[in-house]
C-alpha atoms as a PDB file:
ATOM      1  CA  UNK A   1     -86.276  28.845 -34.899  1.00  0.00           C
ATOM      2  CA  UNK A   2     -83.863  26.543 -33.087  1.00  0.00           C
ATOM      3  CA  UNK A   3     -80.013  27.404 -32.479  1.00  0.00           C
ATOM      4  CA  UNK A   4     -78.742  25.256 -35.355  1.00  0.00           C
ATOM      5  CA  UNK A   5     -81.193  27.266 -37.791  1.00  0.00           C
ATOM      6  CA  UNK A   6     -79.303  30.395 -36.658  1.00  0.00           C
ATOM      7  CA  UNK A   7     -76.035  29.281 -37.725  1.00  0.00           C
ATOM      8  CA  UNK A   8     -74.493  30.153 -40.906  1.00  0.00           C
ATOM      9  CA  UNK A   9     -73.397  27.397 -43.107  1.00  0.00           C
ATOM     10  CA  UNK A  10     -69.685  28.110 -42.079  1.00  0.00           C
ATOM     11  CA  UNK A  11     -70.553  27.822 -38.394  1.00  0.00           C
ATOM     12  CA  UNK A  12     -72.128  24.320 -39.329  1.00  0.00           C
ATOM     13  CA  UNK A  13     -68.747  23.459 -41.029  1.00  0.00           C
ATOM     14  CA  UNK A  14     -66.590  24.620 -38.281  1.00  0.00           C
ATOM     15  CA  UNK A  15     -68.765  22.835 -35.641  1.00  0.00           C
ATOM     16  CA  UNK A  16     -68.855  19.653 -37.765  1.00  0.00           C
ATOM     17  CA  UNK A  17     -65.258  19.999 -38.064  1.00  0.00           C
ATOM     18  CA  UNK A  18     -65.026  19.898 -34.393  1.00  0.00           C
ATOM     19  CA  UNK A  19     -67.315  17.101 -33.692  1.00  0.00           C
ATOM     20  CA  UNK A  20     -65.206  14.931 -36.112  1.00  0.00           C
ATOM     21  CA  UNK A  21     -61.895  16.039 -34.607  1.00  0.00           C
ATOM     22  CA  UNK A  22     -63.231  15.088 -31.124  1.00  0.00           C
ATOM     23  CA  UNK A  23     -63.988  11.521 -32.369  1.00  0.00           C
ATOM     24  CA  UNK A  24     -61.038   9.021 -31.711  1.00  0.00           C
ATOM     25  CA  UNK A  25     -61.451   7.784 -35.300  1.00  0.00           C
ATOM     26  CA  UNK A  26     -59.876  11.272 -36.557  1.00  0.00           C
ATOM     27  CA  UNK A  27     -56.422  10.174 -35.779  1.00  0.00           C
ATOM     28  CA  UNK A  28     -56.592   7.533 -38.363  1.00  0.00           C
ATOM     29  CA  UNK A  29     -58.442   9.548 -40.663  1.00  0.00           C
ATOM     30  CA  UNK A  30     -56.116  12.231 -40.997  1.00  0.00           C
ATOM     31  CA  UNK A  31     -53.240  10.162 -40.934  1.00  0.00           C
ATOM     32  CA  UNK A  32     -54.448   8.332 -44.234  1.00  0.00           C
ATOM     33  CA  UNK A  33     -55.448  11.943 -45.574  1.00  0.00           C
ATOM     34  CA  UNK A  34     -51.959  13.535 -44.981  1.00  0.00           C
ATOM     35  CA  UNK A  35     -50.563  12.457 -48.320  1.00  0.00           C
ATOM     36  CA  UNK A  36     -53.704  13.598 -50.091  1.00  0.00           C
ATOM     37  CA  UNK A  37     -52.660  17.270 -49.208  1.00  0.00           C
ATOM     38  CA  UNK A  38     -49.263  17.430 -50.995  1.00  0.00           C
ATOM     39  CA  UNK A  39     -49.509  19.587 -54.194  1.00  0.00           C
ATOM     40  CA  UNK A  40     -49.596  20.168 -56.867  1.00  0.00           C
ATOM     41  CA  UNK A  41     -52.786  17.979 -58.031  1.00  0.00           C
ATOM     42  CA  UNK A  42     -52.652  19.533 -61.666  1.00  0.00           C
ATOM     43  CA  UNK A  43     -49.471  17.568 -62.387  1.00  0.00           C
ATOM     44  CA  UNK A  44     -51.688  14.604 -62.712  1.00  0.00           C
ATOM     45  CA  UNK A  45     -53.117  14.336 -65.904  1.00  0.00           C
ATOM     46  CA  UNK A  46     -55.947  12.327 -67.375  1.00  0.00           C
ATOM     47  CA  UNK A  47     -53.363  10.279 -69.546  1.00  0.00           C
ATOM     48  CA  UNK A  48     -51.077   9.580 -66.470  1.00  0.00           C
ATOM     49  CA  UNK A  49     -54.714   8.019 -64.480  1.00  0.00           C
ATOM     50  CA  UNK A  50     -55.555   6.073 -67.997  1.00  0.00           C
ATOM     51  CA  UNK A  51     -51.967   4.659 -68.407  1.00  0.00           C
ATOM     52  CA  UNK A  52     -51.300   3.712 -64.853  1.00  0.00           C
ATOM     53  CA  UNK A  53     -54.561   3.164 -62.717  1.00  0.00           C
ATOM     54  CA  UNK A  54     -56.569   2.524 -65.916  1.00  0.00           C
ATOM     55  CA  UNK A  55     -54.099  -0.312 -66.904  1.00  0.00           C
ATOM     56  CA  UNK A  56     -53.978  -1.615 -63.448  1.00  0.00           C
ATOM     57  CA  UNK A  57     -57.876  -1.950 -63.248  1.00  0.00           C
ATOM     58  CA  UNK A  58     -57.911  -3.624 -66.411  1.00  0.00           C
ATOM     59  CA  UNK A  59     -55.268  -6.143 -65.280  1.00  0.00           C
ATOM     60  CA  UNK A  60     -57.491  -6.599 -62.038  1.00  0.00           C
ATOM     61  CA  UNK A  61     -60.759  -7.337 -64.115  1.00  0.00           C
ATOM     62  CA  UNK A  62     -58.849 -10.171 -66.117  1.00  0.00           C
ATOM     63  CA  UNK A  63     -57.362 -11.314 -62.806  1.00  0.00           C
ATOM     64  CA  UNK A  64     -60.705 -11.648 -61.221  1.00  0.00           C
ATOM     65  CA  UNK A  65     -62.065 -13.939 -63.797  1.00  0.00           C
ATOM     66  CA  UNK A  66     -59.138 -16.346 -63.924  1.00  0.00           C
ATOM     67  CA  UNK A  67     -58.584 -16.534 -59.882  1.00  0.00           C
ATOM     68  CA  UNK A  68     -61.372 -17.121 -57.437  1.00  0.00           C
ATOM     69  CA  UNK A  69     -59.399 -15.655 -54.460  1.00  0.00           C
ATOM     70  CA  UNK A  70     -58.838 -12.352 -56.267  1.00  0.00           C
ATOM     71  CA  UNK A  71     -62.647 -12.144 -56.585  1.00  0.00           C
ATOM     72  CA  UNK A  72     -63.204 -13.227 -53.000  1.00  0.00           C
ATOM     73  CA  UNK A  73     -60.812 -10.485 -52.044  1.00  0.00           C
ATOM     74  CA  UNK A  74     -62.477  -7.947 -54.221  1.00  0.00           C
ATOM     75  CA  UNK A  75     -65.856  -8.894 -52.558  1.00  0.00           C
ATOM     76  CA  UNK A  76     -64.312  -7.967 -49.042  1.00  0.00           C
ATOM     77  CA  UNK A  77     -63.104  -4.580 -50.165  1.00  0.00           C
ATOM     78  CA  UNK A  78     -66.774  -4.070 -51.933  1.00  0.00           C
ATOM     79  CA  UNK A  79     -68.527  -4.995 -48.371  1.00  0.00           C
ATOM     80  CA  UNK A  80     -66.326  -2.664 -46.052  1.00  0.00           C
ATOM     81  CA  UNK A  81     -66.677   0.321 -48.129  1.00  0.00           C
ATOM     82  CA  UNK A  82     -70.266  -0.414 -49.076  1.00  0.00           C
ATOM     83  CA  UNK A  83     -71.644  -0.306 -45.772  1.00  0.00           C
ATOM     84  CA  UNK A  84     -74.146   2.246 -45.217  1.00  0.00           C
ATOM     85  CA  UNK A  85     -72.926   5.322 -43.395  1.00  0.00           C
ATOM     86  CA  UNK A  86     -73.814   5.540 -39.517  1.00  0.00           C
ATOM     87  CA  UNK A  87     -76.732   8.200 -38.726  1.00  0.00           C
ATOM     88  CA  UNK A  88     -74.038  10.462 -37.165  1.00  0.00           C
ATOM     89  CA  UNK A  89     -72.006  10.796 -40.216  1.00  0.00           C
ATOM     90  CA  UNK A  90     -74.751  10.709 -42.573  1.00  0.00           C
ATOM     91  CA  UNK A  91     -76.522  13.681 -40.919  1.00  0.00           C
ATOM     92  CA  UNK A  92     -73.257  15.495 -40.482  1.00  0.00           C
ATOM     93  CA  UNK A  93     -72.440  15.207 -44.298  1.00  0.00           C
ATOM     94  CA  UNK A  94     -75.944  16.289 -45.353  1.00  0.00           C
ATOM     95  CA  UNK A  95     -75.958  19.167 -43.078  1.00  0.00           C
ATOM     96  CA  UNK A  96     -72.448  20.741 -44.528  1.00  0.00           C
ATOM     97  CA  UNK A  97     -72.178  19.119 -48.226  1.00  0.00           C
ATOM     98  CA  UNK A  98     -71.763  21.303 -51.090  1.00  0.00           C
ATOM     99  CA  UNK A  99     -74.531  21.636 -53.627  1.00  0.00           C
ATOM    100  CA  UNK A 100     -73.683  19.119 -56.031  1.00  0.00           C
ATOM    101  CA  UNK A 101     -71.585  16.710 -53.735  1.00  0.00           C
ATOM    102  CA  UNK A 102     -72.960  13.393 -52.462  1.00  0.00           C
ATOM    103  CA  UNK A 103     -71.298  10.411 -50.404  1.00  0.00           C
ATOM    104  CA  UNK A 104     -70.151   8.428 -53.254  1.00  0.00           C
ATOM    105  CA  UNK A 105     -68.607  11.513 -55.238  1.00  0.00           C
ATOM    106  CA  UNK A 106     -66.615  12.731 -52.398  1.00  0.00           C
ATOM    107  CA  UNK A 107     -65.239   9.154 -51.137  1.00  0.00           C
ATOM    108  CA  UNK A 108     -64.328   8.107 -54.712  1.00  0.00           C
ATOM    109  CA  UNK A 109     -62.678  11.438 -55.289  1.00  0.00           C
ATOM    110  CA  UNK A 110     -60.548  11.314 -52.259  1.00  0.00           C
ATOM    111  CA  UNK A 111     -59.585   7.801 -52.572  1.00  0.00           C
ATOM    112  CA  UNK A 112     -58.585   8.403 -56.183  1.00  0.00           C
ATOM    113  CA  UNK A 113     -56.722  11.499 -55.179  1.00  0.00           C
ATOM    114  CA  UNK A 114     -54.668   9.758 -52.676  1.00  0.00           C
ATOM    115  CA  UNK A 115     -53.795   6.655 -55.116  1.00  0.00           C
ATOM    116  CA  UNK A 116     -52.858   8.953 -57.770  1.00  0.00           C
ATOM    117  CA  UNK A 117     -50.343  10.976 -55.158  1.00  0.00           C
ATOM    118  CA  UNK A 118     -48.954   7.981 -53.894  1.00  0.00           C
ATOM    119  CA  UNK A 119     -48.194   6.849 -57.713  1.00  0.00           C
ATOM    120  CA  UNK A 120     -46.630  10.127 -58.431  1.00  0.00           C
ATOM    121  CA  UNK A 121     -44.419  10.024 -55.528  1.00  0.00           C
ATOM    122  CA  UNK A 122     -43.171   6.649 -56.019  1.00  0.00           C
ATOM    123  CA  UNK A 123     -40.127   7.586 -58.164  1.00  0.00           C
ATOM    124  CA  UNK A 124     -41.052   4.666 -60.670  1.00  0.00           C
ATOM    125  CA  UNK A 125     -42.518   4.993 -64.161  1.00  0.00           C
ATOM    126  CA  UNK A 126     -46.095   4.112 -65.039  1.00  0.00           C
ATOM    127  CA  UNK A 127     -44.853   0.933 -66.785  1.00  0.00           C
ATOM    128  CA  UNK A 128     -43.048  -0.260 -63.788  1.00  0.00           C
ATOM    129  CA  UNK A 129     -46.226   0.299 -61.607  1.00  0.00           C
ATOM    130  CA  UNK A 130     -48.274  -1.668 -63.904  1.00  0.00           C
ATOM    131  CA  UNK A 131     -45.909  -4.459 -64.165  1.00  0.00           C
ATOM    132  CA  UNK A 132     -45.590  -4.892 -60.254  1.00  0.00           C
ATOM    133  CA  UNK A 133     -49.177  -4.720 -59.782  1.00  0.00           C
ATOM    134  CA  UNK A 134     -49.517  -7.804 -62.540  1.00  0.00           C
ATOM    135  CA  UNK A 135     -46.725  -9.678 -60.799  1.00  0.00           C
ATOM    136  CA  UNK A 136     -48.809  -9.418 -57.330  1.00  0.00           C
ATOM    137  CA  UNK A 137     -52.193 -10.653 -59.427  1.00  0.00           C
ATOM    138  CA  UNK A 138     -50.086 -13.871 -60.877  1.00  0.00           C
ATOM    139  CA  UNK A 139     -49.244 -14.891 -57.273  1.00  0.00           C
ATOM    140  CA  UNK A 140     -51.823 -13.138 -54.927  1.00  0.00           C
ATOM    141  CA  UNK A 141     -51.810 -15.315 -51.665  1.00  0.00           C
ATOM    142  CA  UNK A 142     -49.663 -13.481 -49.619  1.00  0.00           C
ATOM    143  CA  UNK A 143     -50.396 -10.141 -50.689  1.00  0.00           C
ATOM    144  CA  UNK A 144     -54.201 -10.726 -50.215  1.00  0.00           C
ATOM    145  CA  UNK A 145     -53.559 -11.978 -46.784  1.00  0.00           C
ATOM    146  CA  UNK A 146     -51.609  -9.012 -45.596  1.00  0.00           C
ATOM    147  CA  UNK A 147     -54.228  -6.770 -47.053  1.00  0.00           C
ATOM    148  CA  UNK A 148     -57.348  -8.158 -45.437  1.00  0.00           C
ATOM    149  CA  UNK A 149     -55.411  -8.276 -42.280  1.00  0.00           C
ATOM    150  CA  UNK A 150     -54.825  -4.311 -42.622  1.00  0.00           C
ATOM    151  CA  UNK A 151     -58.207  -3.699 -43.666  1.00  0.00           C
ATOM    152  CA  UNK A 152     -59.740  -5.595 -40.836  1.00  0.00           C
ATOM    153  CA  UNK A 153     -57.657  -2.951 -38.601  1.00  0.00           C
ATOM    154  CA  UNK A 154     -59.714  -0.224 -39.808  1.00  0.00           C
ATOM    155  CA  UNK A 155     -62.860   1.013 -37.992  1.00  0.00           C
ATOM    156  CA  UNK A 156     -66.204   0.315 -39.374  1.00  0.00           C
ATOM    157  CA  UNK A 157     -66.815   3.529 -39.485  1.00  0.00           C
ATOM    158  CA  UNK A 158     -63.627   4.564 -41.157  1.00  0.00           C
ATOM    159  CA  UNK A 159     -65.042   4.853 -44.626  1.00  0.00           C
ATOM    160  CA  UNK A 160     -68.132   7.557 -43.296  1.00  0.00           C
ATOM    161  CA  UNK A 161     -65.578   9.414 -41.301  1.00  0.00           C
ATOM    162  CA  UNK A 162     -63.137  10.032 -43.916  1.00  0.00           C
ATOM    163  CA  UNK A 163     -65.941  11.136 -46.246  1.00  0.00           C
ATOM    164  CA  UNK A 164     -67.446  13.729 -44.131  1.00  0.00           C
ATOM    165  CA  UNK A 165     -64.106  14.681 -43.042  1.00  0.00           C
ATOM    166  CA  UNK A 166     -63.021  15.319 -46.770  1.00  0.00           C
ATOM    167  CA  UNK A 167     -66.644  17.422 -47.250  1.00  0.00           C
ATOM    168  CA  UNK A 168     -65.671  19.307 -44.331  1.00  0.00           C
ATOM    169  CA  UNK A 169     -62.129  20.019 -45.874  1.00  0.00           C
ATOM    170  CA  UNK A 170     -63.045  20.813 -49.244  1.00  0.00           C
ATOM    171  CA  UNK A 171     -64.893  24.044 -47.873  1.00  0.00           C
ATOM    172  CA  UNK A 172     -62.159  25.267 -45.617  1.00  0.00           C
ATOM    173  CA  UNK A 173     -59.263  24.613 -47.964  1.00  0.00           C
ATOM    174  CA  UNK A 174     -59.193  26.062 -51.403  1.00  0.00           C
ATOM    175  CA  UNK A 175     -56.397  24.103 -52.596  1.00  0.00           C
ATOM    176  CA  UNK A 176     -57.895  20.635 -51.020  1.00  0.00           C
ATOM    177  CA  UNK A 177     -60.996  21.474 -52.954  1.00  0.00           C
ATOM    178  CA  UNK A 178     -59.425  22.017 -56.340  1.00  0.00           C
ATOM    179  CA  UNK A 179     -57.473  18.810 -55.618  1.00  0.00           C
ATOM    180  CA  UNK A 180     -60.484  16.682 -54.957  1.00  0.00           C
ATOM    181  CA  UNK A 181     -62.482  17.971 -57.845  1.00  0.00           C
ATOM    182  CA  UNK A 182     -59.348  17.389 -60.132  1.00  0.00           C
ATOM    183  CA  UNK A 183     -59.333  13.896 -59.146  1.00  0.00           C
ATOM    184  CA  UNK A 184     -63.058  13.284 -59.642  1.00  0.00           C
ATOM    185  CA  UNK A 185     -63.048  14.610 -62.819  1.00  0.00           C
ATOM    186  CA  UNK A 186     -59.904  12.282 -63.619  1.00  0.00           C
ATOM    187  CA  UNK A 187     -61.632   9.344 -62.351  1.00  0.00           C
ATOM    188  CA  UNK A 188     -64.609   9.909 -64.607  1.00  0.00           C
ATOM    189  CA  UNK A 189     -62.327  10.553 -67.529  1.00  0.00           C
ATOM    190  CA  UNK A 190     -60.113   7.520 -67.058  1.00  0.00           C
ATOM    191  CA  UNK A 191     -62.796   4.779 -66.176  1.00  0.00           C
ATOM    192  CA  UNK A 192     -66.404   5.865 -67.590  1.00  0.00           C
ATOM    193  CA  UNK A 193     -65.536   4.606 -71.061  1.00  0.00           C
ATOM    194  CA  UNK A 194     -69.300   4.907 -72.358  1.00  0.00           C
ATOM    195  CA  UNK A 195     -71.392   7.847 -72.197  1.00  0.00           C
ATOM    196  CA  UNK A 196     -74.644   5.418 -72.106  1.00  0.00           C
ATOM    197  CA  UNK A 197     -73.360   4.334 -68.255  1.00  0.00           C
ATOM    198  CA  UNK A 198     -74.646   5.632 -65.268  1.00  0.00           C
ATOM    199  CA  UNK A 199     -72.590   8.302 -63.528  1.00  0.00           C
ATOM    200  CA  UNK A 200     -73.323   8.698 -60.066  1.00  0.00           C
ATOM    201  CA  UNK A 201     -70.892  11.605 -59.788  1.00  0.00           C
ATOM    202  CA  UNK A 202     -73.675  14.170 -61.128  1.00  0.00           C
ATOM    203  CA  UNK A 203     -76.826  12.327 -59.454  1.00  0.00           C
ATOM    204  CA  UNK A 204     -78.421  13.516 -56.098  1.00  0.00           C
ATOM    205  CA  UNK A 205     -77.614  11.340 -52.880  1.00  0.00           C
ATOM    206  CA  UNK A 206     -75.914   8.594 -54.233  1.00  0.00           C
ATOM    207  CA  UNK A 207     -73.922   6.763 -51.340  1.00  0.00           C
ATOM    208  CA  UNK A 208     -71.949   3.732 -50.458  1.00  0.00           C
ATOM    209  CA  UNK A 209     -74.358   1.083 -51.178  1.00  0.00           C
ATOM    210  CA  UNK A 210     -73.288   1.787 -55.265  1.00  0.00           C
ATOM    211  CA  UNK A 211     -69.892   0.377 -54.361  1.00  0.00           C
ATOM    212  CA  UNK A 212     -71.768  -2.901 -53.824  1.00  0.00           C
ATOM    213  CA  UNK A 213     -73.215  -3.309 -57.036  1.00  0.00           C
ATOM    214  CA  UNK A 214     -71.582  -6.260 -59.106  1.00  0.00           C
ATOM    215  CA  UNK A 215     -72.933  -6.037 -62.345  1.00  0.00           C
ATOM    216  CA  UNK A 216     -70.996  -4.789 -65.560  1.00  0.00           C
ATOM    217  CA  UNK A 217     -72.776  -1.544 -65.736  1.00  0.00           C
ATOM    218  CA  UNK A 218     -70.923  -0.360 -62.092  1.00  0.00           C
ATOM    219  CA  UNK A 219     -67.798   0.553 -64.091  1.00  0.00           C
ATOM    220  CA  UNK A 220     -66.501   2.618 -60.809  1.00  0.00           C
ATOM    221  CA  UNK A 221     -66.273  -0.751 -58.799  1.00  0.00           C
ATOM    222  CA  UNK A 222     -62.999  -2.280 -59.616  1.00  0.00           C
ATOM    223  CA  UNK A 223     -60.798   0.951 -59.911  1.00  0.00           C
ATOM    224  CA  UNK A 224     -62.398   2.248 -56.374  1.00  0.00           C
ATOM    225  CA  UNK A 225     -61.600  -1.031 -54.828  1.00  0.00           C
ATOM    226  CA  UNK A 226     -58.071  -1.056 -56.595  1.00  0.00           C
ATOM    227  CA  UNK A 227     -57.214   2.520 -55.452  1.00  0.00           C
ATOM    228  CA  UNK A 228     -58.901   1.960 -51.860  1.00  0.00           C
ATOM    229  CA  UNK A 229     -56.599  -1.291 -51.467  1.00  0.00           C
ATOM    230  CA  UNK A 230     -53.540   0.700 -52.415  1.00  0.00           C
ATOM    231  CA  UNK A 231     -54.023   3.386 -50.053  1.00  0.00           C
ATOM    232  CA  UNK A 232     -54.720   0.908 -47.262  1.00  0.00           C
ATOM    233  CA  UNK A 233     -51.557  -1.400 -48.296  1.00  0.00           C
ATOM    234  CA  UNK A 234     -49.388   2.011 -48.487  1.00  0.00           C
ATOM    235  CA  UNK A 235     -50.484   2.824 -44.939  1.00  0.00           C
ATOM    236  CA  UNK A 236     -49.643  -0.204 -43.484  1.00  0.00           C
ATOM    237  CA  UNK A 237     -46.361  -0.961 -45.527  1.00  0.00           C
END
């Protein structure tokens, strides 16, 4: 038996956390994560998610069809978040993940959680937030240029590091795990409108490549790209 096989699951989690903290990228990841730790997650309801982010996603979907530059920007976000995790992150995630977890689910849940936290802390009502996004979509050039500049500053391994760190923290902090599961449930409830469609949240081993699917059955693509863009924009604002 190897030394690794002698370790308990919690020991593996602690060792993985230590290794992630030793990675210089952890500074950016924990800066991004900071707002996601703010309670109470349960104050955010399915109705809130549908009326705000759901409405934003619907507006974005319509804008994509009407404006090639918005479609091009969406593809830029898709390319960034759909890159397969480097082996060190993929192996770390697989070694410590919870029984029902996969990289797709963990990343989607934490991105949605942070976007919802930003929304509830904005001091603006849902109608105002939706209207502001629509104003941006009506004249997107300046916004998209600034957003893509901010995305380019992110390390290519940012998504994989964030996802692995999130999976670690979910097993060390009960509040964080509740927040993550609550956000994931809200995401599915707000955006999976047809029960006949695929649900990667309940499949084994789904990973980032699913974010690159562009056909109509990939109901998760637009809301995840939107919410990721919201969090990146806020980080650089």
